[in-house]
Each structure stands twice: as structure tokens, then as C-alpha cells.
């Protein structure tokens, strides 16, 4: 759980200035895409 929160915080820092919240959500989903 700790790693999850940290990863989202890192994405938020990198995504500073995103105007589209939907794209931010997509970015989070892509980061957590399970490796197959």
C-alpha cells in the first residue's frame, strides 16, 4: 500500500500542469498495468 501511494505522488509531481483530469487518471492506470 505504501508503494502505491508513493507512486501516485510521483505521477502527480510529474503531471504538474495537466489540464485534463481524465488524462491524469489514464496515466495512473497505465502505470499500474499488470505485466503479462
Protein backbone atom coordinates (compact mmCIF):
# COMPACT_ATOMS: atom_id res chain seq x y z
CA UNK A 1 0.00 0.00 0.00
CA UNK A 2 2.84 2.40 0.84
CA UNK A 3 4.37 1.90 -2.59
CA UNK A 4 1.03 2.61 -4.24
CA UNK A 5 0.66 5.97 -2.52
CA UNK A 6 4.24 6.88 -3.32
CA UNK A 7 3.79 6.01 -6.99
CA UNK A 8 0.68 8.19 -7.26
CA UNK A 9 2.55 11.08 -5.61
CA UNK A 10 5.39 10.73 -8.12
CA UNK A 11 2.91 10.75 -11.00
CA UNK A 12 1.27 13.85 -9.53
CA UNK A 13 4.63 15.62 -9.38
CA UNK A 14 5.48 14.67 -12.97
CA UNK A 15 1.99 15.58 -14.14
CA UNK A 16 2.06 19.08 -12.65
CA UNK A 17 0.20 21.30 -15.08
CA UNK A 18 -2.05 18.64 -16.60
CA UNK A 19 -5.18 20.46 -17.63
CA UNK A 20 -7.16 17.32 -18.30
CA UNK A 21 -8.01 15.24 -15.23
CA UNK A 22 -9.06 12.33 -17.44
CA UNK A 23 -5.55 12.09 -18.91
CA UNK A 24 -4.12 12.08 -15.39
CA UNK A 25 -6.37 9.14 -14.50
CA UNK A 26 -5.28 7.31 -17.66
CA UNK A 27 -1.63 7.87 -16.72
CA UNK A 28 -2.21 6.30 -13.30
CA UNK A 29 -3.92 3.29 -14.88
CA UNK A 30 -1.04 2.85 -17.34
CA UNK A 31 1.50 2.92 -14.51
CA UNK A 32 -0.37 0.12 -12.72
CA UNK A 33 -0.95 -2.02 -15.80
CA UNK A 34 -0.03 -5.56 -14.74
CA UNK A 35 2.85 -7.15 -16.61
CA UNK A 36 1.67 -10.15 -18.61
